[in-house]
Amino acid sequence: MFGVSTDNTPSQKVFAEQLKLSFPILSDFKDRSTAKAYGVLRPDGMANRVTYVVDKEGKIAFVDIGNTAIDPTATDEACSRLAHRVQQGAEKK
């Protein structure tokens, strides 16, 4: 798990410390190419808060948009559901 932010590195550090994050936050500050690629860059140059869970095939399996996207426990829950779905699919074969 990792985060991507359009904020500058010092702001990211403070944010991570305040929330006691256990995962890295990568910077998209320079050119915002990741935010552009995922379609979350706003006209003001900031990005909407979005959490994506990407499965092993590289497909987006879960999306959380808005202020709740900041909560990493929602991502943990989505990953758990995805793992359960994959396991059920394997059992059916």
N, C-alpha and C. Protein backbone atom coordinates (compact mmCIF):
# COMPACT_ATOMS: atom_id res chain seq x y z
N MET A 1 0.85 -1.16 0.00
CA MET A 1 0.00 0.00 0.00
C MET A 1 0.89 1.22 0.00
N PHE A 2 0.49 2.23 -0.77
CA PHE A 2 1.17 3.51 -0.77
C PHE A 2 0.17 4.59 -1.16
N GLY A 3 0.51 5.81 -0.85
CA GLY A 3 -0.32 6.94 -1.22
C GLY A 3 0.39 7.77 -2.26
N VAL A 4 -0.37 8.52 -3.02
CA VAL A 4 0.19 9.48 -3.98
C VAL A 4 -0.50 10.80 -3.72
N SER A 5 0.28 11.86 -3.63
CA SER A 5 -0.27 13.17 -3.31
C SER A 5 0.33 14.24 -4.20
N THR A 6 -0.50 15.24 -4.54
CA THR A 6 0.00 16.39 -5.31
C THR A 6 0.59 17.45 -4.39
N ASP A 7 0.58 17.20 -3.08
CA ASP A 7 1.19 18.14 -2.13
C ASP A 7 2.71 18.03 -2.19
N ASN A 8 3.38 19.06 -1.67
CA ASN A 8 4.83 19.01 -1.62
C ASN A 8 5.29 18.06 -0.51
N THR A 9 6.54 17.65 -0.57
CA THR A 9 7.07 16.65 0.35
C THR A 9 6.97 17.07 1.82
N PRO A 10 7.31 18.31 2.19
CA PRO A 10 7.16 18.69 3.61
C PRO A 10 5.70 18.56 4.10
N SER A 11 4.74 18.94 3.26
CA SER A 11 3.33 18.81 3.64
C SER A 11 2.95 17.34 3.79
N GLN A 12 3.46 16.50 2.90
CA GLN A 12 3.18 15.06 2.98
C GLN A 12 3.72 14.48 4.28
N LYS A 13 4.89 14.92 4.69
CA LYS A 13 5.50 14.41 5.92
C LYS A 13 4.63 14.76 7.13
N VAL A 14 4.17 16.00 7.22
CA VAL A 14 3.32 16.43 8.33
C VAL A 14 2.01 15.64 8.32
N PHE A 15 1.41 15.49 7.13
CA PHE A 15 0.16 14.74 6.98
C PHE A 15 0.34 13.30 7.48
N ALA A 16 1.41 12.64 7.05
CA ALA A 16 1.68 11.25 7.44
C ALA A 16 1.90 11.14 8.95
N GLU A 17 2.58 12.10 9.53
CA GLU A 17 2.81 12.08 10.98
C GLU A 17 1.51 12.29 11.75
N GLN A 18 0.68 13.22 11.29
CA GLN A 18 -0.59 13.50 11.98
C GLN A 18 -1.50 12.28 11.99
N LEU A 19 -1.53 11.54 10.88
CA LEU A 19 -2.39 10.36 10.78
C LEU A 19 -1.69 9.07 11.20
N LYS A 20 -0.40 9.19 11.56
CA LYS A 20 0.39 8.02 11.96
C LYS A 20 0.32 6.92 10.89
N LEU A 21 0.55 7.33 9.64
CA LEU A 21 0.49 6.38 8.53
C LEU A 21 1.66 5.41 8.56
N SER A 22 1.40 4.19 8.19
CA SER A 22 2.45 3.16 8.19
C SER A 22 2.88 2.82 6.76
N PHE A 23 2.48 3.63 5.80
CA PHE A 23 2.84 3.39 4.41
C PHE A 23 3.39 4.69 3.81
N PRO A 24 4.19 4.56 2.75
CA PRO A 24 4.78 5.75 2.15
C PRO A 24 3.79 6.56 1.33
N ILE A 25 4.06 7.86 1.23
CA ILE A 25 3.30 8.73 0.35
C ILE A 25 4.26 9.22 -0.73
N LEU A 26 3.92 8.93 -1.97
CA LEU A 26 4.76 9.32 -3.10
C LEU A 26 4.31 10.68 -3.61
N SER A 27 5.26 11.45 -4.12
CA SER A 27 4.96 12.80 -4.56
C SER A 27 4.60 12.86 -6.04
N ASP A 28 3.50 13.55 -6.33
CA ASP A 28 3.07 13.84 -7.69
C ASP A 28 3.05 15.36 -7.87
N PHE A 29 3.88 16.03 -7.06
CA PHE A 29 3.89 17.49 -7.00
C PHE A 29 4.43 18.13 -8.27
N LYS A 30 5.48 17.56 -8.84
CA LYS A 30 6.20 18.19 -9.95
C LYS A 30 5.31 18.40 -11.18
N ASP A 31 4.71 17.32 -11.69
CA ASP A 31 3.93 17.46 -12.93
C ASP A 31 2.51 16.92 -12.83
N ARG A 32 2.18 16.36 -11.67
CA ARG A 32 0.83 15.83 -11.41
C ARG A 32 0.38 14.81 -12.46
N SER A 33 1.33 14.10 -13.01
CA SER A 33 1.04 13.13 -14.08
C SER A 33 0.18 11.97 -13.60
N THR A 34 0.36 11.53 -12.37
CA THR A 34 -0.45 10.43 -11.84
C THR A 34 -1.90 10.88 -11.65
N ALA A 35 -2.08 12.06 -11.07
CA ALA A 35 -3.43 12.59 -10.88
C ALA A 35 -4.12 12.78 -12.23
N LYS A 36 -3.39 13.25 -13.22
CA LYS A 36 -3.96 13.41 -14.57
C LYS A 36 -4.35 12.05 -15.15
N ALA A 37 -3.45 11.08 -15.03
CA ALA A 37 -3.69 9.75 -15.61
C ALA A 37 -4.91 9.07 -15.00
N TYR A 38 -5.15 9.30 -13.72
CA TYR A 38 -6.30 8.68 -13.05
C TYR A 38 -7.56 9.56 -13.10
N GLY A 39 -7.46 10.72 -13.75
CA GLY A 39 -8.62 11.57 -13.93
C GLY A 39 -9.11 12.27 -12.68
N VAL A 40 -8.22 12.50 -11.71
CA VAL A 40 -8.64 13.13 -10.45
C VAL A 40 -8.09 14.54 -10.26
N LEU A 41 -7.34 15.04 -11.26
CA LEU A 41 -6.78 16.38 -11.14
C LEU A 41 -7.87 17.42 -11.41
N ARG A 42 -8.03 18.33 -10.48
CA ARG A 42 -9.04 19.39 -10.61
C ARG A 42 -8.44 20.57 -11.38
N PRO A 43 -9.28 21.46 -11.90
CA PRO A 43 -8.77 22.64 -12.62
C PRO A 43 -7.85 23.53 -11.78
N ASP A 44 -8.01 23.50 -10.44
CA ASP A 44 -7.16 24.33 -9.58
C ASP A 44 -5.79 23.71 -9.32
N GLY A 45 -5.51 22.55 -9.94
CA GLY A 45 -4.20 21.91 -9.78
C GLY A 45 -4.11 20.94 -8.62
N MET A 46 -5.15 20.88 -7.81
CA MET A 46 -5.19 19.93 -6.70
C MET A 46 -5.88 18.66 -7.19
N ALA A 47 -5.79 17.61 -6.41
CA ALA A 47 -6.43 16.35 -6.78
C ALA A 47 -7.56 16.02 -5.83
N ASN A 48 -8.61 15.43 -6.36
CA ASN A 48 -9.68 14.90 -5.50
C ASN A 48 -9.13 13.75 -4.70
N ARG A 49 -9.67 13.54 -3.50
CA ARG A 49 -9.25 12.40 -2.68
C ARG A 49 -9.93 11.14 -3.19
N VAL A 50 -9.12 10.19 -3.58
CA VAL A 50 -9.63 8.93 -4.12
C VAL A 50 -8.72 7.81 -3.65
N THR A 51 -9.32 6.70 -3.25
CA THR A 51 -8.58 5.49 -2.93
C THR A 51 -8.90 4.45 -4.00
N TYR A 52 -7.86 3.86 -4.57
CA TYR A 52 -8.02 2.78 -5.53
C TYR A 52 -7.39 1.52 -4.97
N VAL A 53 -8.04 0.39 -5.15
CA VAL A 53 -7.42 -0.91 -4.88
C VAL A 53 -7.26 -1.55 -6.25
N VAL A 54 -6.02 -1.89 -6.58
CA VAL A 54 -5.70 -2.48 -7.87
C VAL A 54 -5.41 -3.96 -7.65
N ASP A 55 -6.08 -4.83 -8.42
CA ASP A 55 -5.90 -6.27 -8.22
C ASP A 55 -4.62 -6.76 -8.90
N LYS A 56 -4.35 -8.05 -8.79
CA LYS A 56 -3.11 -8.63 -9.31
C LYS A 56 -3.00 -8.52 -10.83
N GLU A 57 -4.13 -8.38 -11.50
CA GLU A 57 -4.11 -8.23 -12.96
C GLU A 57 -3.97 -6.77 -13.39
N GLY A 58 -3.87 -5.88 -12.42
CA GLY A 58 -3.71 -4.46 -12.72
C GLY A 58 -5.03 -3.73 -12.97
N LYS A 59 -6.14 -4.37 -12.64
CA LYS A 59 -7.45 -3.76 -12.82
C LYS A 59 -7.92 -3.12 -11.51
N ILE A 60 -8.59 -1.99 -11.64
CA ILE A 60 -9.12 -1.32 -10.46
C ILE A 60 -10.29 -2.13 -9.92
N ALA A 61 -10.16 -2.60 -8.67
CA ALA A 61 -11.17 -3.47 -8.07
C ALA A 61 -12.05 -2.73 -7.06
N PHE A 62 -11.63 -1.56 -6.62
CA PHE A 62 -12.38 -0.81 -5.61
C PHE A 62 -12.01 0.66 -5.73
N VAL A 63 -12.99 1.53 -5.59
CA VAL A 63 -12.76 2.98 -5.62
C VAL A 63 -13.55 3.61 -4.48
N ASP A 64 -12.90 4.49 -3.74
CA ASP A 64 -13.55 5.28 -2.70
C ASP A 64 -13.22 6.74 -2.99
N ILE A 65 -14.25 7.56 -3.16
CA ILE A 65 -14.05 8.95 -3.55
C ILE A 65 -14.54 9.87 -2.43
N GLY A 66 -13.78 10.94 -2.19
CA GLY A 66 -14.19 11.94 -1.22
C GLY A 66 -13.39 11.87 0.05
N ASN A 67 -13.87 12.55 1.08
CA ASN A 67 -13.12 12.65 2.34
C ASN A 67 -12.92 11.31 3.03
N THR A 68 -13.81 10.33 2.80
CA THR A 68 -13.61 9.02 3.42
C THR A 68 -12.42 8.28 2.81
N ALA A 69 -11.99 8.72 1.63
CA ALA A 69 -10.85 8.08 0.97
C ALA A 69 -9.55 8.25 1.74
N ILE A 70 -9.54 9.14 2.70
CA ILE A 70 -8.34 9.38 3.50
C ILE A 70 -8.13 8.30 4.56
N ASP A 71 -9.17 7.53 4.86
CA ASP A 71 -9.13 6.53 5.92
C ASP A 71 -8.54 5.22 5.38
N PRO A 72 -7.31 4.86 5.77
CA PRO A 72 -6.70 3.64 5.25
C PRO A 72 -7.41 2.36 5.68
N THR A 73 -8.23 2.41 6.72
CA THR A 73 -8.94 1.19 7.13
C THR A 73 -9.97 0.79 6.09
N ALA A 74 -10.52 1.76 5.36
CA ALA A 74 -11.45 1.42 4.27
C ALA A 74 -10.73 0.63 3.19
N THR A 75 -9.50 0.97 2.94
CA THR A 75 -8.71 0.25 1.94
C THR A 75 -8.41 -1.17 2.43
N ASP A 76 -8.06 -1.30 3.70
CA ASP A 76 -7.82 -2.63 4.26
C ASP A 76 -9.06 -3.51 4.09
N GLU A 77 -10.22 -2.93 4.36
CA GLU A 77 -11.48 -3.68 4.23
C GLU A 77 -11.73 -4.07 2.77
N ALA A 78 -11.47 -3.16 1.86
CA ALA A 78 -11.66 -3.45 0.43
C ALA A 78 -10.71 -4.55 -0.03
N CYS A 79 -9.47 -4.51 0.43
CA CYS A 79 -8.51 -5.56 0.07
C CYS A 79 -8.95 -6.91 0.62
N SER A 80 -9.47 -6.90 1.83
CA SER A 80 -9.95 -8.14 2.44
C SER A 80 -11.12 -8.71 1.64
N ARG A 81 -12.05 -7.85 1.23
CA ARG A 81 -13.19 -8.31 0.42
C ARG A 81 -12.72 -8.87 -0.91
N LEU A 82 -11.77 -8.18 -1.53
CA LEU A 82 -11.23 -8.63 -2.81
C LEU A 82 -10.55 -9.99 -2.67
N ALA A 83 -9.77 -10.16 -1.63
CA ALA A 83 -9.10 -11.44 -1.39
C ALA A 83 -10.13 -12.55 -1.17
N HIS A 84 -11.20 -12.25 -0.46
CA HIS A 84 -12.26 -13.23 -0.21
C HIS A 84 -12.93 -13.62 -1.53
N ARG A 85 -13.20 -12.62 -2.38
CA ARG A 85 -13.82 -12.88 -3.69
C ARG A 85 -12.94 -13.76 -4.56
N VAL A 86 -11.64 -13.47 -4.55
CA VAL A 86 -10.69 -14.26 -5.34
C VAL A 86 -10.65 -15.69 -4.82
N GLN A 87 -10.64 -15.85 -3.49
CA GLN A 87 -10.61 -17.18 -2.89
C GLN A 87 -11.88 -17.96 -3.24
N GLN A 88 -13.04 -17.32 -3.19
CA GLN A 88 -14.29 -18.00 -3.54
C GLN A 88 -14.28 -18.42 -5.00
N GLY A 89 -13.75 -17.56 -5.86
CA GLY A 89 -13.66 -17.90 -7.28
C GLY A 89 -12.76 -19.09 -7.54
N ALA A 90 -11.68 -19.20 -6.78
CA ALA A 90 -10.75 -20.33 -6.93
C ALA A 90 -11.39 -21.62 -6.42
N GLU A 91 -12.20 -21.52 -5.38
CA GLU A 91 -12.87 -22.71 -4.83
C GLU A 91 -13.93 -23.26 -5.78
N LYS A 92 -14.52 -22.38 -6.58
CA LYS A 92 -15.56 -22.81 -7.52
C LYS A 92 -14.98 -23.57 -8.71
N LYS A 93 -13.70 -23.37 -9.00
CA LYS A 93 -13.06 -24.03 -10.16
C LYS A 93 -12.71 -25.46 -9.89
